[in-house]
C-alpha atoms as a PDB file:
ATOM      1  CA  MET A   1       1.398  18.629  16.508  1.00  0.00           C
ATOM      2  CA  SER A   2      -1.962  17.048  17.376  1.00  0.00           C
ATOM      3  CA  LEU A   3      -1.823  13.336  16.653  1.00  0.00           C
ATOM      4  CA  ASP A   4      -5.263  13.270  15.022  1.00  0.00           C
ATOM      5  CA  TYR A   5      -4.747  16.516  13.090  1.00  0.00           C
ATOM      6  CA  ILE A   6      -4.690  14.957   9.647  1.00  0.00           C
ATOM      7  CA  THR A   7      -7.637  12.632  10.359  1.00  0.00           C
ATOM      8  CA  LYS A   8      -9.833  15.520  11.493  1.00  0.00           C
ATOM      9  CA  ALA A   9      -8.738  17.624   8.534  1.00  0.00           C
ATOM     10  CA  VAL A  10      -9.634  14.920   6.036  1.00  0.00           C
ATOM     11  CA  GLN A  11     -12.948  14.180   7.737  1.00  0.00           C
ATOM     12  CA  GLN A  12     -13.866  17.860   7.687  1.00  0.00           C
ATOM     13  CA  ALA A  13     -12.990  18.142   4.016  1.00  0.00           C
ATOM     14  CA  GLN A  14     -15.083  15.064   3.236  1.00  0.00           C
ATOM     15  CA  GLN A  15     -18.072  16.420   5.124  1.00  0.00           C
ATOM     16  CA  GLU A  16     -17.878  19.693   3.241  1.00  0.00           C
ATOM     17  CA  ARG A  17     -17.967  17.833  -0.033  1.00  0.00           C
ATOM     18  CA  ASN A  18     -20.669  15.305   1.057  1.00  0.00           C
ATOM     19  CA  ILE A  19     -18.644  12.476  -0.377  1.00  0.00           C
ATOM     20  CA  ASP A  20     -20.430   9.488  -1.847  1.00  0.00           C
ATOM     21  CA  SER A  21     -18.639   6.528  -0.317  1.00  0.00           C
ATOM     22  CA  HIS A  22     -19.530   4.230  -3.218  1.00  0.00           C
ATOM     23  CA  LYS A  23     -16.758   3.974  -5.787  1.00  0.00           C
ATOM     24  CA  ALA A  24     -17.478   3.933  -9.506  1.00  0.00           C
ATOM     25  CA  LYS A  25     -17.063   0.388 -10.806  1.00  0.00           C
ATOM     26  CA  VAL A  26     -14.838  -0.500 -13.727  1.00  0.00           C
ATOM     27  CA  THR A  27     -16.974  -2.123 -16.417  1.00  0.00           C
ATOM     28  CA  ALA A  28     -16.398  -4.225 -19.506  1.00  0.00           C
ATOM     29  CA  ILE A  29     -13.136  -5.620 -18.168  1.00  0.00           C
ATOM     30  CA  LYS A  30     -11.709  -8.851 -19.499  1.00  0.00           C
ATOM     31  CA  PRO A  31     -10.334 -10.913 -16.582  1.00  0.00           C
ATOM     32  CA  ILE A  32      -6.613 -11.587 -16.447  1.00  0.00           C
ATOM     33  CA  GLU A  33      -5.940 -15.300 -16.374  1.00  0.00           C
ATOM     34  CA  VAL A  34      -3.397 -16.013 -13.644  1.00  0.00           C
ATOM     35  CA  ASN A  35      -2.401 -19.461 -12.415  1.00  0.00           C
ATOM     36  CA  TYR A  36      -1.040 -18.804  -8.933  1.00  0.00           C
ATOM     37  CA  ASP A  37       0.503 -22.243  -8.716  1.00  0.00           C
ATOM     38  CA  GLN A  38       3.091 -21.045 -11.224  1.00  0.00           C
ATOM     39  CA  ILE A  39       4.311 -18.022  -9.275  1.00  0.00           C
ATOM     40  CA  ARG A  40       8.083 -17.862  -8.910  1.00  0.00           C
ATOM     41  CA  THR A  41       9.405 -18.075  -5.344  1.00  0.00           C
ATOM     42  CA  GLU A  42      12.361 -16.060  -4.045  1.00  0.00           C
ATOM     43  CA  THR A  43      14.312 -17.010  -0.933  1.00  0.00           C
ATOM     44  CA  VAL A  44      14.644 -14.011   1.355  1.00  0.00           C
ATOM     45  CA  SER A  45      17.616 -13.361   3.637  1.00  0.00           C
ATOM     46  CA  GLU A  46      16.486 -12.702   7.204  1.00  0.00           C
ATOM     47  CA  GLN A  47      19.628 -10.660   7.779  1.00  0.00           C
ATOM     48  CA  HIS A  48      18.790  -8.443   4.803  1.00  0.00           C
ATOM     49  CA  LEU A  49      15.245  -7.968   6.084  1.00  0.00           C
ATOM     50  CA  HIS A  50      16.486  -7.017   9.557  1.00  0.00           C
ATOM     51  CA  GLU A  51      18.982  -4.549   8.101  1.00  0.00           C
ATOM     52  CA  HIS A  52      16.136  -2.840   6.242  1.00  0.00           C
ATOM     53  CA  ARG A  53      13.838  -2.952   9.302  1.00  0.00           C
ATOM     54  CA  ILE A  54      11.446  -5.473   7.808  1.00  0.00           C
ATOM     55  CA  ILE A  55      10.781  -7.280  11.040  1.00  0.00           C
ATOM     56  CA  THR A  56       7.225  -8.637  11.116  1.00  0.00           C
ATOM     57  CA  GLY A  57       7.245 -12.406  11.183  1.00  0.00           C
ATOM     58  CA  LEU A  58      10.916 -12.621  12.121  1.00  0.00           C
ATOM     59  CA  CYS A  59      10.859 -11.783  15.810  1.00  0.00           C
ATOM     60  CA  ASP A  60       8.575 -10.842  18.685  1.00  0.00           C
ATOM     61  CA  THR A  61       9.339  -7.320  19.827  1.00  0.00           C
ATOM     62  CA  GLU A  62       7.387  -4.267  20.909  1.00  0.00           C
ATOM     63  CA  GLN A  63       7.697  -2.861  17.404  1.00  0.00           C
ATOM     64  CA  VAL A  64       6.386  -6.093  15.860  1.00  0.00           C
ATOM     65  CA  ASN A  65       3.461  -5.988  18.277  1.00  0.00           C
ATOM     66  CA  SER A  66       2.736  -2.469  17.061  1.00  0.00           C
ATOM     67  CA  TYR A  67       2.352  -3.810  13.536  1.00  0.00           C
ATOM     68  CA  LYS A  68       0.090  -6.577  14.831  1.00  0.00           C
ATOM     69  CA  MET A  69      -2.138  -3.965  16.427  1.00  0.00           C
ATOM     70  CA  LEU A  70      -2.091  -2.000  13.187  1.00  0.00           C
ATOM     71  CA  ARG A  71      -3.019  -5.177  11.287  1.00  0.00           C
ATOM     72  CA  THR A  72      -5.965  -5.911  13.559  1.00  0.00           C
ATOM     73  CA  THR A  73      -7.356  -2.394  13.306  1.00  0.00           C
ATOM     74  CA  VAL A  74      -6.927  -2.315   9.536  1.00  0.00           C
ATOM     75  CA  LEU A  75      -8.667  -5.683   9.178  1.00  0.00           C
ATOM     76  CA  ARG A  76     -11.614  -4.487  11.245  1.00  0.00           C
ATOM     77  CA  ARG A  77     -12.065  -1.390   9.129  1.00  0.00           C
ATOM     78  CA  LEU A  78     -11.700  -3.314   5.893  1.00  0.00           C
ATOM     79  CA  GLN A  79     -14.283  -5.878   6.991  1.00  0.00           C
ATOM     80  CA  LYS A  80     -16.669  -3.245   8.334  1.00  0.00           C
ATOM     81  CA  ASN A  81     -16.707  -1.417   4.998  1.00  0.00           C
ATOM     82  CA  GLY A  82     -16.436  -4.408   2.681  1.00  0.00           C
ATOM     83  CA  TRP A  83     -13.049  -3.245   1.372  1.00  0.00           C
ATOM     84  CA  ASN A  84     -10.101  -5.374   0.303  1.00  0.00           C
ATOM     85  CA  ILE A  85      -7.853  -3.036  -1.676  1.00  0.00           C
ATOM     86  CA  PHE A  86      -6.051   0.035  -0.361  1.00  0.00           C
ATOM     87  CA  GLY A  87      -3.041   2.241  -0.977  1.00  0.00           C
ATOM     88  CA  VAL A  88      -0.328   3.406   1.408  1.00  0.00           C
ATOM     89  CA  THR A  89       1.088   6.891   0.951  1.00  0.00           C
ATOM     90  CA  SER A  90       2.625   9.828   2.831  1.00  0.00           C
ATOM     91  CA  SER A  91       2.802  13.579   2.347  1.00  0.00           C
ATOM     92  CA  ILE A  92       6.499  13.704   1.472  1.00  0.00           C
ATOM     93  CA  ALA A  93       9.336  11.259   0.830  1.00  0.00           C
ATOM     94  CA  GLY A  94      11.148   9.669   3.751  1.00  0.00           C
ATOM     95  CA  GLU A  95       8.234   9.203   6.158  1.00  0.00           C
ATOM     96  CA  GLY A  96       8.409   5.409   6.037  1.00  0.00           C
ATOM     97  CA  LYS A  97       5.421   4.597   3.840  1.00  0.00           C
ATOM     98  CA  THR A  98       7.148   1.776   1.909  1.00  0.00           C
ATOM     99  CA  ARG A  99       8.485   0.111   5.048  1.00  0.00           C
ATOM    100  CA  THR A 100       5.056   0.440   6.643  1.00  0.00           C
ATOM    101  CA  ALA A 101       3.376  -1.067   3.572  1.00  0.00           C
ATOM    102  CA  ILE A 102       5.766  -4.031   3.611  1.00  0.00           C
ATOM    103  CA  ASN A 103       5.615  -4.747   7.343  1.00  0.00           C
ATOM    104  CA  LEU A 104       1.832  -4.403   7.367  1.00  0.00           C
ATOM    105  CA  SER A 105       1.492  -6.661   4.310  1.00  0.00           C
ATOM    106  CA  ILE A 106       3.654  -9.350   5.915  1.00  0.00           C
ATOM    107  CA  SER A 107       1.665  -9.118   9.137  1.00  0.00           C
ATOM    108  CA  LEU A 108      -1.590  -9.463   7.184  1.00  0.00           C
ATOM    109  CA  ALA A 109      -0.196 -12.381   5.166  1.00  0.00           C
ATOM    110  CA  MET A 110       0.868 -14.250   8.307  1.00  0.00           C
ATOM    111  CA  GLU A 111      -2.537 -13.858   9.915  1.00  0.00           C
ATOM    112  CA  GLY A 112      -3.582 -17.021   8.096  1.00  0.00           C
ATOM    113  CA  ASN A 113      -7.020 -16.151   6.782  1.00  0.00           C
ATOM    114  CA  HIS A 114      -5.881 -14.006   3.889  1.00  0.00           C
ATOM    115  CA  THR A 115      -3.613 -13.988   0.899  1.00  0.00           C
ATOM    116  CA  VAL A 116      -1.947 -10.636   0.339  1.00  0.00           C
ATOM    117  CA  LEU A 117      -0.777  -9.062  -2.900  1.00  0.00           C
ATOM    118  CA  LEU A 118       1.671  -6.186  -2.373  1.00  0.00           C
ATOM    119  CA  VAL A 119       2.023  -4.017  -5.473  1.00  0.00           C
ATOM    120  CA  ASP A 120       4.789  -1.472  -6.013  1.00  0.00           C
ATOM    121  CA  ALA A 121       2.874   1.443  -7.544  1.00  0.00           C
ATOM    122  CA  ASP A 122       5.635   3.996  -6.933  1.00  0.00           C
ATOM    123  CA  LEU A 123       6.514   3.810 -10.611  1.00  0.00           C
ATOM    124  CA  GLN A 124       9.119   6.576 -10.630  1.00  0.00           C
ATOM    125  CA  ARG A 125      10.970   5.368  -7.529  1.00  0.00           C
ATOM    126  CA  PRO A 126      10.233   1.652  -7.071  1.00  0.00           C
ATOM    127  CA  ALA A 127      11.816   0.194  -3.950  1.00  0.00           C
ATOM    128  CA  ILE A 128       9.921  -2.827  -2.634  1.00  0.00           C
ATOM    129  CA  HIS A 129      12.223  -5.371  -4.287  1.00  0.00           C
ATOM    130  CA  LYS A 130      15.236  -3.670  -2.682  1.00  0.00           C
ATOM    131  CA  TYR A 131      13.827  -4.223   0.800  1.00  0.00           C
ATOM    132  CA  PHE A 132      13.549  -7.933   0.038  1.00  0.00           C
ATOM    133  CA  GLY A 133      17.002  -8.083  -1.540  1.00  0.00           C
ATOM    134  CA  TYR A 134      16.322  -9.360  -5.036  1.00  0.00           C
ATOM    135  CA  ALA A 135      16.342  -8.000  -8.596  1.00  0.00           C
ATOM    136  CA  PRO A 136      13.085  -8.793 -10.433  1.00  0.00           C
ATOM    137  CA  GLU A 137      13.339 -10.197 -13.939  1.00  0.00           C
ATOM    138  CA  LYS A 138       9.892  -8.843 -14.810  1.00  0.00           C
ATOM    139  CA  GLY A 139       7.606  -6.345 -13.147  1.00  0.00           C
ATOM    140  CA  LEU A 140       4.575  -4.083 -13.353  1.00  0.00           C
ATOM    141  CA  ASN A 141       6.325  -1.924 -15.937  1.00  0.00           C
ATOM    142  CA  ASP A 142       6.624  -4.928 -18.264  1.00  0.00           C
ATOM    143  CA  TYR A 143       2.894  -5.617 -17.953  1.00  0.00           C
ATOM    144  CA  LEU A 144       1.992  -1.979 -18.614  1.00  0.00           C
ATOM    145  CA  VAL A 145       4.417  -1.346 -21.479  1.00  0.00           C
ATOM    146  CA  ASP A 146       5.125  -4.702 -23.127  1.00  0.00           C
ATOM    147  CA  ASN A 147       1.985  -6.732 -22.329  1.00  0.00           C
ATOM    148  CA  THR A 148       3.933  -9.248 -20.244  1.00  0.00           C
ATOM    149  CA  PRO A 149       1.466 -11.674 -18.606  1.00  0.00           C
ATOM    150  CA  VAL A 150       0.809 -10.826 -14.980  1.00  0.00           C
ATOM    151  CA  LYS A 151       1.743 -14.334 -13.846  1.00  0.00           C
ATOM    152  CA  ASP A 152       5.286 -13.716 -15.109  1.00  0.00           C
ATOM    153  CA  THR A 153       5.684 -10.607 -12.944  1.00  0.00           C
ATOM    154  CA  LEU A 154       4.581 -12.002  -9.572  1.00  0.00           C
ATOM    155  CA  ILE A 155       6.974 -13.145  -6.852  1.00  0.00           C
ATOM    156  CA  HIS A 156       6.262 -15.201  -3.752  1.00  0.00           C
ATOM    157  CA  VAL A 157       8.884 -14.253  -1.181  1.00  0.00           C
ATOM    158  CA  ALA A 158       8.260 -17.255   1.078  1.00  0.00           C
ATOM    159  CA  VAL A 159       6.917 -15.055   3.874  1.00  0.00           C
ATOM    160  CA  GLY A 160       3.414 -16.154   4.824  1.00  0.00           C
ATOM    161  CA  ASN A 161       0.785 -15.862   2.103  1.00  0.00           C
ATOM    162  CA  LEU A 162       2.488 -12.841   0.541  1.00  0.00           C
ATOM    163  CA  VAL A 163       2.910 -12.270  -3.182  1.00  0.00           C
ATOM    164  CA  ILE A 164       4.687  -9.218  -4.593  1.00  0.00           C
ATOM    165  CA  LEU A 165       4.193  -7.408  -7.874  1.00  0.00           C
ATOM    166  CA  PRO A 166       7.404  -5.335  -8.193  1.00  0.00           C
ATOM    167  CA  VAL A 167       8.530  -2.687 -10.654  1.00  0.00           C
ATOM    168  CA  ARG A 168      11.693  -3.685 -12.501  1.00  0.00           C
ATOM    169  CA  LYS A 169      12.732  -0.183 -13.586  1.00  0.00           C
ATOM    170  CA  PRO A 170      11.328   3.346 -13.189  1.00  0.00           C
ATOM    171  CA  LEU A 171       8.640   4.603 -15.557  1.00  0.00           C
ATOM    172  CA  GLN A 172       8.108   8.155 -16.736  1.00  0.00           C
ATOM    173  CA  ASN A 173       4.556   9.433 -17.281  1.00  0.00           C
ATOM    174  CA  SER A 174       3.675   7.407 -14.213  1.00  0.00           C
ATOM    175  CA  SER A 175       0.269   9.012 -13.637  1.00  0.00           C
ATOM    176  CA  GLY A 176      -0.694   8.190 -17.218  1.00  0.00           C
ATOM    177  CA  TYR A 177       0.086   4.526 -16.644  1.00  0.00           C
ATOM    178  CA  LEU A 178      -1.712   4.478 -13.287  1.00  0.00           C
ATOM    179  CA  ARG A 179      -4.932   5.821 -14.792  1.00  0.00           C
ATOM    180  CA  SER A 180      -4.695   3.621 -17.896  1.00  0.00           C
ATOM    181  CA  PRO A 181      -7.276   0.942 -18.834  1.00  0.00           C
ATOM    182  CA  LYS A 182      -4.610  -1.740 -18.342  1.00  0.00           C
ATOM    183  CA  MET A 183      -4.093  -0.648 -14.748  1.00  0.00           C
ATOM    184  CA  ALA A 184      -7.845  -0.571 -14.174  1.00  0.00           C
ATOM    185  CA  THR A 185      -8.046  -4.122 -15.492  1.00  0.00           C
ATOM    186  CA  LEU A 186      -5.249  -5.245 -13.190  1.00  0.00           C
ATOM    187  CA  VAL A 187      -6.850  -3.636 -10.141  1.00  0.00           C
ATOM    188  CA  GLU A 188     -10.283  -5.086 -10.835  1.00  0.00           C
ATOM    189  CA  GLU A 189      -8.814  -8.544 -11.393  1.00  0.00           C
ATOM    190  CA  ALA A 190      -6.741  -8.354  -8.216  1.00  0.00           C
ATOM    191  CA  LYS A 191      -9.745  -7.126  -6.254  1.00  0.00           C
ATOM    192  CA  THR A 192     -12.380  -9.591  -7.374  1.00  0.00           C
ATOM    193  CA  ARG A 193     -10.728 -12.925  -8.199  1.00  0.00           C
ATOM    194  CA  TYR A 194     -10.388 -14.157  -4.603  1.00  0.00           C
ATOM    195  CA  SER A 195     -12.686 -13.041  -1.784  1.00  0.00           C
ATOM    196  CA  SER A 196      -9.990 -13.700   0.837  1.00  0.00           C
ATOM    197  CA  ARG A 197      -7.331 -11.568  -0.836  1.00  0.00           C
ATOM    198  CA  ILE A 198      -6.156  -8.190   0.435  1.00  0.00           C
ATOM    199  CA  VAL A 199      -4.342  -5.985  -2.067  1.00  0.00           C
ATOM    200  CA  VAL A 200      -1.915  -3.305  -0.848  1.00  0.00           C
ATOM    201  CA  PHE A 201      -0.459  -0.667  -3.176  1.00  0.00           C
ATOM    202  CA  ASP A 202       2.693   1.189  -2.166  1.00  0.00           C
ATOM    203  CA  LEU A 203       2.048   4.640  -3.658  1.00  0.00           C
ATOM    204  CA  PRO A 204       4.293   7.680  -4.196  1.00  0.00           C
ATOM    205  CA  PRO A 205       4.151  10.581  -1.720  1.00  0.00           C
ATOM    206  CA  LEU A 206       1.068  12.755  -2.160  1.00  0.00           C
ATOM    207  CA  LEU A 207       2.879  16.039  -2.645  1.00  0.00           C
ATOM    208  CA  SER A 208       5.537  14.837  -5.094  1.00  0.00           C
ATOM    209  CA  THR A 209       3.401  13.874  -8.107  1.00  0.00           C
ATOM    210  CA  ASP A 210      -0.221  13.610  -9.218  1.00  0.00           C
ATOM    211  CA  ASP A 211       0.030   9.802  -9.190  1.00  0.00           C
ATOM    212  CA  VAL A 212      -2.052   9.210  -6.049  1.00  0.00           C
ATOM    213  CA  ILE A 213      -4.853  11.467  -7.249  1.00  0.00           C
ATOM    214  CA  ALA A 214      -4.823   9.753 -10.645  1.00  0.00           C
ATOM    215  CA  PHE A 215      -4.927   6.272  -9.128  1.00  0.00           C
ATOM    216  CA  SER A 216      -7.039   6.643  -5.982  1.00  0.00           C
ATOM    217  CA  PRO A 217     -10.460   6.326  -7.723  1.00  0.00           C
ATOM    218  CA  LEU A 218      -9.591   2.664  -8.349  1.00  0.00           C
ATOM    219  CA  LEU A 219      -8.933   1.980  -4.654  1.00  0.00           C
ATOM    220  CA  ASP A 220     -11.287   1.372  -1.761  1.00  0.00           C
ATOM    221  CA  SER A 221      -9.294   3.558   0.620  1.00  0.00           C
ATOM    222  CA  ILE A 222      -5.961   5.158   1.515  1.00  0.00           C
ATOM    223  CA  LEU A 223      -3.723   4.654   4.557  1.00  0.00           C
ATOM    224  CA  LEU A 224      -1.666   7.778   5.268  1.00  0.00           C
ATOM    225  CA  VAL A 225       1.747   7.462   6.946  1.00  0.00           C
ATOM    226  CA  ILE A 226       3.055  10.470   8.883  1.00  0.00           C
ATOM    227  CA  GLU A 227       6.491  10.755  10.461  1.00  0.00           C
ATOM    228  CA  ASP A 228       6.145  12.711  13.667  1.00  0.00           C
ATOM    229  CA  GLY A 229       7.834  16.090  13.245  1.00  0.00           C
ATOM    230  CA  ALA A 230       8.825  15.549   9.609  1.00  0.00           C
ATOM    231  CA  VAL A 231       5.976  17.437   7.943  1.00  0.00           C
ATOM    232  CA  THR A 232       4.533  20.885   8.490  1.00  0.00           C
ATOM    233  CA  HIS A 233       0.918  21.760   9.200  1.00  0.00           C
ATOM    234  CA  GLU A 234       0.787  23.315   5.747  1.00  0.00           C
ATOM    235  CA  GLU A 235       1.901  20.060   4.119  1.00  0.00           C
ATOM    236  CA  LEU A 236      -0.630  18.082   6.146  1.00  0.00           C
ATOM    237  CA  ALA A 237      -3.367  20.523   5.162  1.00  0.00           C
ATOM    238  CA  ARG A 238      -2.453  20.102   1.495  1.00  0.00           C
ATOM    239  CA  SER A 239      -2.546  16.332   1.923  1.00  0.00           C
ATOM    240  CA  ALA A 240      -5.974  16.567   3.552  1.00  0.00           C
ATOM    241  CA  GLU A 241      -7.222  18.630   0.628  1.00  0.00           C
ATOM    242  CA  LEU A 242      -5.922  16.084  -1.881  1.00  0.00           C
ATOM    243  CA  LEU A 243      -7.514  13.193   0.025  1.00  0.00           C
ATOM    244  CA  LYS A 244     -10.930  14.743   0.608  1.00  0.00           C
ATOM    245  CA  ASP A 245     -12.554  12.732  -2.203  1.00  0.00           C
ATOM    246  CA  THR A 246     -10.971   9.490  -0.949  1.00  0.00           C
ATOM    247  CA  ASN A 247     -12.001   7.068   1.782  1.00  0.00           C
ATOM    248  CA  LEU A 248      -9.409   7.362   4.547  1.00  0.00           C
ATOM    249  CA  LEU A 249      -8.567   3.969   6.043  1.00  0.00           C
ATOM    250  CA  GLY A 250      -6.591   5.689   8.783  1.00  0.00           C
ATOM    251  CA  THR A 251      -3.321   7.408   9.608  1.00  0.00           C
ATOM    252  CA  VAL A 252      -0.131   5.805  10.884  1.00  0.00           C
ATOM    253  CA  LEU A 253       2.180   7.927  13.023  1.00  0.00           C
ATOM    254  CA  ASN A 254       5.812   6.834  12.682  1.00  0.00           C
ATOM    255  CA  LYS A 255       8.513   7.572  15.247  1.00  0.00           C
ATOM    256  CA  SER A 256       6.045   9.072  17.687  1.00  0.00           C
ATOM    257  CA  LYS A 257       7.753  11.152  20.348  1.00  0.00           C
ATOM    258  CA  GLU A 258       4.892  10.306  22.700  1.00  0.00           C
ATOM    259  CA  LYS A 259       5.664   6.555  22.479  1.00  0.00           C
ATOM    260  CA  VAL A 260       1.999   5.656  22.241  1.00  0.00           C
ATOM    261  CA  MET A 261       2.811   2.029  21.448  1.00  0.00           C
ATOM    262  CA  GLY A 262       6.555   2.042  21.794  1.00  0.00           C
ATOM    263  CA  TYR A 263       8.949   2.543  18.898  1.00  0.00           C
ATOM    264  CA  GLY A 264       6.941   1.774  15.812  1.00  0.00           C
ATOM    265  CA  PRO A 265       3.717   2.769  14.092  1.00  0.00           C
ATOM    266  CA  SER A 266       0.726   4.224  15.903  1.00  0.00           C
ATOM    267  CA  TYR A 267      -2.694   4.013  14.212  1.00  0.00           C
ATOM    268  CA  TYR A 268      -5.505   6.603  14.219  1.00  0.00           C
END
């Protein structure tokens, strides 16, 4: 498999469509009032993080350095394009998109110049809180369904400047919630309140639901995670087709057999 296969496929699809890179803005949105001094803090077990391969910020290894390189490249592309909000997805389940989203978010949050909000937008199979080893009392589902204030759903996990918005329990009709006015309000608030904030959404796999397509118009860009050898050319081509109307932040190759940057993510 060519390492830049998916990038070239998406770029070709975008050129054929003559994509307008400017996103439609959400209008007439009432800001969400959030006092970030009142965010609940959770103590995180380093052993639990290591067991789930959440390693950025905990040690200095070749794999951690790979995430630092990923962080630097992502930051450059975000700054170049004036973006601060992106989603992380994959073609199919099991390619490591959630772990990549978490490790990248921690690396960004420890860089010092940014606050990072990591949102679990995989509404049918939420998992971020499991990687950190805690059970949320409130989450994104409570905001979307029961009008719970956003400030009551946020968690600071005492890792750099990282805040998490988890999902407490799975939601059906997930694409309907993701394209809802309430979600648009949340995204616009998260995007515009602080100029130094980066917002990362952990999204479902592209080929499993229509969630990413429903939600992507609200995002600046998408980061696509690919596990080397786990997906077929046909699946990658379908992913490229689905992403052709979306700004591609880049692709991350997991478990590369070519060991481009050692064991860990490689960025294209």
